[in-house]
C-alpha atoms as a PDB file:
ATOM      1  CA  MET A   1     119.146 107.360 171.222  1.00  0.00           C
ATOM      2  CA  VAL A   2     118.605 108.116 167.542  1.00  0.00           C
ATOM      3  CA  THR A   3     121.863 108.620 165.668  1.00  0.00           C
ATOM      4  CA  PRO A   4     122.302 111.103 162.799  1.00  0.00           C
ATOM      5  CA  GLU A   5     122.946 108.160 160.462  1.00  0.00           C
ATOM      6  CA  LEU A   6     119.586 106.642 161.358  1.00  0.00           C
ATOM      7  CA  ILE A   7     117.823 109.964 160.813  1.00  0.00           C
ATOM      8  CA  VAL A   8     119.315 110.369 157.320  1.00  0.00           C
ATOM      9  CA  LEU A   9     118.590 106.721 156.450  1.00  0.00           C
ATOM     10  CA  SER A  10     114.974 107.154 157.587  1.00  0.00           C
ATOM     11  CA  LEU A  11     114.681 110.303 155.493  1.00  0.00           C
ATOM     12  CA  ASN A  12     116.115 108.470 152.469  1.00  0.00           C
ATOM     13  CA  LEU A  13     113.754 105.534 152.873  1.00  0.00           C
ATOM     14  CA  THR A  14     110.715 107.774 153.332  1.00  0.00           C
ATOM     15  CA  VAL A  15     111.471 109.920 150.284  1.00  0.00           C
ATOM     16  CA  ALA A  16     112.289 106.913 148.084  1.00  0.00           C
ATOM     17  CA  LEU A  17     109.134 105.009 149.085  1.00  0.00           C
ATOM     18  CA  LEU A  18     106.930 108.055 148.519  1.00  0.00           C
ATOM     19  CA  ALA A  19     108.605 108.677 145.174  1.00  0.00           C
ATOM     20  CA  TYR A  20     108.324 105.159 143.759  1.00  0.00           C
ATOM     21  CA  PHE A  21     104.978 104.130 145.243  1.00  0.00           C
ATOM     22  CA  VAL A  22     103.048 107.428 145.182  1.00  0.00           C
ATOM     23  CA  ALA A  23     104.587 110.247 143.133  1.00  0.00           C
ATOM     24  CA  TYR A  24     106.049 108.433 140.130  1.00  0.00           C
ATOM     25  CA  PRO A  25     103.004 106.265 139.401  1.00  0.00           C
ATOM     26  CA  MET A  26     100.696 109.291 139.672  1.00  0.00           C
ATOM     27  CA  LEU A  27     102.842 111.973 138.039  1.00  0.00           C
ATOM     28  CA  CYS A  28     105.281 110.205 135.731  1.00  0.00           C
ATOM     29  CA  GLY A  29     103.901 106.875 134.597  1.00  0.00           C
ATOM     30  CA  ASP A  30     106.168 105.618 131.802  1.00  0.00           C
ATOM     31  CA  ASN A  31     107.703 108.987 130.874  1.00  0.00           C
ATOM     32  CA  LEU A  32     111.465 108.736 131.448  1.00  0.00           C
ATOM     33  CA  VAL A  33     112.012 112.494 131.285  1.00  0.00           C
ATOM     34  CA  ARG A  34     109.458 113.079 134.035  1.00  0.00           C
ATOM     35  CA  ILE A  35     110.932 110.266 136.113  1.00  0.00           C
ATOM     36  CA  ALA A  36     114.409 111.802 135.799  1.00  0.00           C
ATOM     37  CA  ALA A  37     113.157 115.298 136.669  1.00  0.00           C
ATOM     38  CA  ASN A  38     111.210 114.057 139.676  1.00  0.00           C
ATOM     39  CA  ASP A  39     114.154 111.944 140.780  1.00  0.00           C
ATOM     40  CA  LEU A  40     116.368 115.036 140.775  1.00  0.00           C
ATOM     41  CA  LEU A  41     113.738 116.728 142.929  1.00  0.00           C
ATOM     42  CA  ALA A  42     113.634 113.770 145.342  1.00  0.00           C
ATOM     43  CA  THR A  43     117.427 113.618 145.590  1.00  0.00           C
ATOM     44  CA  GLY A  44     117.579 117.370 146.084  1.00  0.00           C
ATOM     45  CA  THR A  45     114.994 117.147 148.845  1.00  0.00           C
ATOM     46  CA  VAL A  46     117.041 114.550 150.700  1.00  0.00           C
ATOM     47  CA  LEU A  47     120.207 116.630 150.368  1.00  0.00           C
ATOM     48  CA  LEU A  48     118.438 119.855 151.363  1.00  0.00           C
ATOM     49  CA  VAL A  49     116.919 118.372 154.520  1.00  0.00           C
ATOM     50  CA  ALA A  50     120.139 116.582 155.496  1.00  0.00           C
ATOM     51  CA  GLY A  51     122.050 119.802 154.888  1.00  0.00           C
ATOM     52  CA  MET A  52     119.650 121.812 157.025  1.00  0.00           C
ATOM     53  CA  LEU A  53     120.137 119.304 159.834  1.00  0.00           C
ATOM     54  CA  TYR A  54     123.887 118.664 159.665  1.00  0.00           C
ATOM     55  CA  ALA A  55     125.729 121.287 157.581  1.00  0.00           C
ATOM     56  CA  GLY A  56     128.368 123.058 159.613  1.00  0.00           C
ATOM     57  CA  ARG A  57     128.516 120.345 162.252  1.00  0.00           C
ATOM     58  CA  ASP A  58     131.600 118.254 162.745  1.00  0.00           C
ATOM     59  CA  HIS A  59     129.802 114.912 162.865  1.00  0.00           C
ATOM     60  CA  ALA A  60     131.499 112.150 160.874  1.00  0.00           C
ATOM     61  CA  PHE A  61     128.988 109.781 159.264  1.00  0.00           C
ATOM     62  CA  ASP A  62     130.011 106.122 159.247  1.00  0.00           C
ATOM     63  CA  LEU A  63     129.624 104.227 155.948  1.00  0.00           C
ATOM     64  CA  LEU A  64     130.929 100.895 157.333  1.00  0.00           C
ATOM     65  CA  VAL A  65     134.263 101.019 155.478  1.00  0.00           C
ATOM     66  CA  PHE A  66     134.982 104.745 155.813  1.00  0.00           C
ATOM     67  CA  SER A  67     133.654 107.925 157.378  1.00  0.00           C
ATOM     68  CA  THR A  68     132.382 110.879 155.407  1.00  0.00           C
ATOM     69  CA  ASN A  69     130.456 114.123 155.776  1.00  0.00           C
ATOM     70  CA  TRP A  70     126.666 114.527 155.706  1.00  0.00           C
ATOM     71  CA  PHE A  71     126.490 115.267 151.954  1.00  0.00           C
ATOM     72  CA  TRP A  72     128.205 112.108 150.747  1.00  0.00           C
ATOM     73  CA  PHE A  73     126.500 109.955 153.361  1.00  0.00           C
ATOM     74  CA  ALA A  74     123.059 111.201 152.294  1.00  0.00           C
ATOM     75  CA  PHE A  75     123.863 110.927 148.585  1.00  0.00           C
ATOM     76  CA  ILE A  76     125.425 107.448 148.670  1.00  0.00           C
ATOM     77  CA  THR A  77     122.827 105.940 150.982  1.00  0.00           C
ATOM     78  CA  TYR A  78     119.964 107.463 148.983  1.00  0.00           C
ATOM     79  CA  ALA A  79     121.383 105.877 145.835  1.00  0.00           C
ATOM     80  CA  ALA A  80     121.632 102.543 147.659  1.00  0.00           C
ATOM     81  CA  VAL A  81     118.039 102.775 148.920  1.00  0.00           C
ATOM     82  CA  GLU A  82     116.679 103.982 145.589  1.00  0.00           C
ATOM     83  CA  THR A  83     118.360 101.481 143.264  1.00  0.00           C
ATOM     84  CA  PRO A  84     116.248  98.396 144.105  1.00  0.00           C
ATOM     85  CA  LEU A  85     113.069 100.490 143.970  1.00  0.00           C
ATOM     86  CA  MET A  86     114.062 101.906 140.584  1.00  0.00           C
ATOM     87  CA  ILE A  87     114.825  98.441 139.200  1.00  0.00           C
ATOM     88  CA  ARG A  88     111.448  97.179 140.434  1.00  0.00           C
ATOM     89  CA  TYR A  89     109.616 100.181 138.940  1.00  0.00           C
ATOM     90  CA  PHE A  90     111.404  99.874 135.586  1.00  0.00           C
ATOM     91  CA  ASN A  91     110.803  96.109 135.397  1.00  0.00           C
ATOM     92  CA  LYS A  92     107.134  96.458 136.299  1.00  0.00           C
ATOM     93  CA  ARG A  93     106.548  99.091 133.605  1.00  0.00           C
ATOM     94  CA  ASP A  94     108.985  97.612 131.057  1.00  0.00           C
ATOM     95  CA  LEU A  95     110.909 100.881 130.860  1.00  0.00           C
ATOM     96  CA  TRP A  96     114.277  99.305 129.996  1.00  0.00           C
ATOM     97  CA  SER A  97     113.175  99.065 126.356  1.00  0.00           C
ATOM     98  CA  LYS A  98     112.680 102.857 126.186  1.00  0.00           C
ATOM     99  CA  PHE A  99     116.384 103.627 126.601  1.00  0.00           C
END
């Protein structure tokens, strides 16, 4: 049986991989403003889909050390999935020097 946590984690992984391996290289390149704008769109997409699936339901999402609602689970786990991809993307394109 597929748990709600696994569904949200799969959504997060799919959106993050599409963002950093397809969308950002094609649409953003080395432009930090475009990366930030598209990242807000990606994060919003994850939260919108998770909200459509789980808003109003009383399911508690397990984050290993505590339980939370769908919003915080989706947000925190997306940040955790996205961070290594962002670091890789920024290192590959030497974007740290543009800050």
